[in-house]
Amino acid sequence: MPDRDFELAAPPSPASTRTKARASKVELRARRRHVISWGLWFVLGGLLINALVGDGGYLATVRESRAEAALAADVAAIRMENQRLLAEGRRLQTDPSAVEEVARRELGMLRPGETVVIFRDAVSAVPAGTNP
């Protein structure tokens, strides 16, 4: 009896090789689709992150709009102050009593014959914390 340690395999039939080739093509297509879809998700995630935190992203736009609103408020306040100062300047040019008021208030000037009386709080002789 001859040794039968191995069996000779029959050559593959052409139908089975075609089926295997088709199966490997399907697997290759599925793998490509999988890689492409993961790549697209990765690119989409990068674009989304850039849209949120990038130089021209949403957060930068919000920050810039807040800064713009703050500057607009500052401009409005400065315009109001400018209008007030213009009105005060016109008043000082035309109204002598306004000039006198400013001279008394800011420069401490007096009319001839007026006397300044300064009242100060009296320092009590009783030490703090005791009842008289």
Protein backbone atom coordinates (compact mmCIF):
# COMPACT_ATOMS: atom_id res chain seq x y z
CA MET A 1 0.00 0.00 0.00
CA PRO A 2 1.28 3.36 -0.88
CA ASP A 3 1.68 6.06 1.74
CA ARG A 4 -1.23 8.44 1.86
CA ASP A 5 0.22 11.24 3.95
CA PHE A 6 -1.15 13.79 1.63
CA GLU A 7 -3.90 13.90 -0.84
CA LEU A 8 -3.61 15.46 -4.14
CA ALA A 9 -6.01 18.31 -4.38
CA ALA A 10 -8.04 18.58 -7.45
CA PRO A 11 -7.32 21.69 -9.47
CA PRO A 12 -9.80 24.44 -8.70
CA SER A 13 -12.66 24.64 -11.06
CA PRO A 14 -13.02 27.82 -13.11
CA ALA A 15 -16.39 28.55 -11.45
CA SER A 16 -14.91 28.56 -7.93
CA THR A 17 -12.05 30.89 -8.91
CA ARG A 18 -14.54 33.31 -10.45
CA THR A 19 -16.62 33.25 -7.28
CA LYS A 20 -13.55 33.92 -5.14
CA ALA A 21 -12.45 36.73 -7.45
CA ARG A 22 -15.90 38.29 -7.23
CA ALA A 23 -15.92 37.96 -3.45
CA SER A 24 -12.49 39.59 -3.17
CA LYS A 25 -13.62 42.45 -5.46
CA VAL A 26 -16.71 42.98 -3.31
CA GLU A 27 -14.57 42.99 -0.16
CA LEU A 28 -12.13 45.41 -1.78
CA ARG A 29 -14.98 47.76 -2.79
CA ALA A 30 -16.46 47.57 0.71
CA ARG A 31 -13.06 48.32 2.22
CA ARG A 32 -12.57 51.26 -0.15
CA ARG A 33 -16.00 52.64 0.71
CA HIS A 34 -15.19 52.26 4.39
CA VAL A 35 -11.84 54.08 4.04
CA ILE A 36 -13.39 56.81 1.89
CA SER A 37 -16.29 57.35 4.28
CA TRP A 38 -13.90 57.56 7.28
CA GLY A 39 -11.74 59.99 5.33
CA LEU A 40 -14.75 62.14 4.48
CA TRP A 41 -15.89 62.12 8.12
CA PHE A 42 -12.38 63.15 9.19
CA VAL A 43 -12.30 66.02 6.67
CA LEU A 44 -15.82 67.07 7.67
CA GLY A 45 -14.80 67.07 11.35
CA GLY A 46 -11.77 69.21 10.56
CA LEU A 47 -13.89 71.68 8.62
CA LEU A 48 -16.44 71.80 11.43
CA ILE A 49 -13.76 72.49 14.04
CA ASN A 50 -12.28 75.20 11.81
CA ALA A 51 -15.73 76.72 11.32
CA LEU A 52 -16.16 76.90 15.08
CA VAL A 53 -12.76 77.98 16.38
CA GLY A 54 -10.80 79.06 13.31
CA ASP A 55 -9.72 82.61 12.48
CA GLY A 56 -12.98 83.34 10.68
CA GLY A 57 -15.04 80.84 12.67
CA TYR A 58 -18.20 81.24 14.69
CA LEU A 59 -16.47 81.99 17.99
CA ALA A 60 -14.26 84.64 16.38
CA THR A 61 -17.33 86.20 14.78
CA VAL A 62 -19.16 86.32 18.11
CA ARG A 63 -16.11 87.81 19.81
CA GLU A 64 -15.77 90.46 17.09
CA SER A 65 -19.47 91.35 17.21
CA ARG A 66 -19.26 91.82 21.00
CA ALA A 67 -16.19 94.02 20.58
CA GLU A 68 -18.01 95.99 17.89
CA ALA A 69 -21.02 96.49 20.18
CA ALA A 70 -18.74 97.67 23.00
CA LEU A 71 -17.01 100.12 20.67
CA ALA A 72 -20.36 101.39 19.39
CA ALA A 73 -21.44 102.01 23.00
CA ASP A 74 -18.17 103.86 23.65
CA VAL A 75 -18.68 105.99 20.55
CA ALA A 76 -22.23 106.82 21.64
CA ALA A 77 -21.02 107.82 25.13
CA ILE A 78 -18.26 109.98 23.66
CA ARG A 79 -20.74 111.67 21.30
CA MET A 80 -23.04 112.44 24.24
CA GLU A 81 -20.10 113.88 26.19
CA ASN A 82 -19.11 115.92 23.15
CA GLN A 83 -22.65 117.33 22.84
CA ARG A 84 -22.67 118.20 26.54
CA LEU A 85 -19.31 119.96 26.28
CA LEU A 86 -20.41 121.87 23.17
CA ALA A 87 -23.57 123.03 24.96
CA GLU A 88 -21.54 124.08 28.02
CA GLY A 89 -19.08 125.96 25.77
CA ARG A 90 -21.93 127.83 24.07
CA ARG A 91 -23.43 128.63 27.47
CA LEU A 92 -20.10 129.94 28.78
CA GLN A 93 -19.71 132.14 25.68
CA THR A 94 -23.16 133.69 25.94
CA ASP A 95 -24.20 133.63 29.63
CA PRO A 96 -22.17 135.74 32.11
CA SER A 97 -23.80 134.02 35.09
CA ALA A 98 -22.47 130.68 33.81
CA VAL A 99 -18.95 132.12 33.73
CA GLU A 100 -19.38 133.38 37.29
CA GLU A 101 -20.69 129.99 38.44
CA VAL A 102 -17.69 128.16 36.97
CA ALA A 103 -15.25 130.73 38.39
CA ARG A 104 -16.72 130.30 41.88
CA ARG A 105 -16.97 126.52 41.74
CA GLU A 106 -13.72 125.55 40.03
CA LEU A 107 -11.41 128.46 40.77
CA GLY A 108 -12.70 129.44 44.22
CA MET A 109 -13.08 133.09 43.22
CA LEU A 110 -15.12 135.61 45.25
CA ARG A 111 -16.76 138.93 44.52
CA PRO A 112 -15.32 141.99 46.18
CA GLY A 113 -16.65 142.29 49.71
CA GLU A 114 -17.59 138.61 50.11
CA THR A 115 -16.18 136.61 52.98
CA VAL A 116 -15.61 132.87 53.01
CA VAL A 117 -16.69 130.99 56.11
CA ILE A 118 -15.47 127.42 56.47
CA PHE A 119 -17.19 125.06 58.87
CA ARG A 120 -15.31 122.07 60.16
CA ASP A 121 -16.60 119.23 62.24
CA ALA A 122 -15.70 119.69 65.90
CA VAL A 123 -13.49 116.98 67.28
CA SER A 124 -15.17 115.55 70.32
CA ALA A 125 -13.27 115.36 73.60
CA VAL A 126 -14.93 112.03 74.41
CA PRO A 127 -12.85 109.02 73.32
CA ALA A 128 -14.42 106.77 70.76
CA GLY A 129 -16.35 103.80 72.12
CA THR A 130 -17.53 105.45 75.37
CA ASN A 131 -20.96 106.89 75.96
CA PRO A 132 -21.11 110.44 77.33
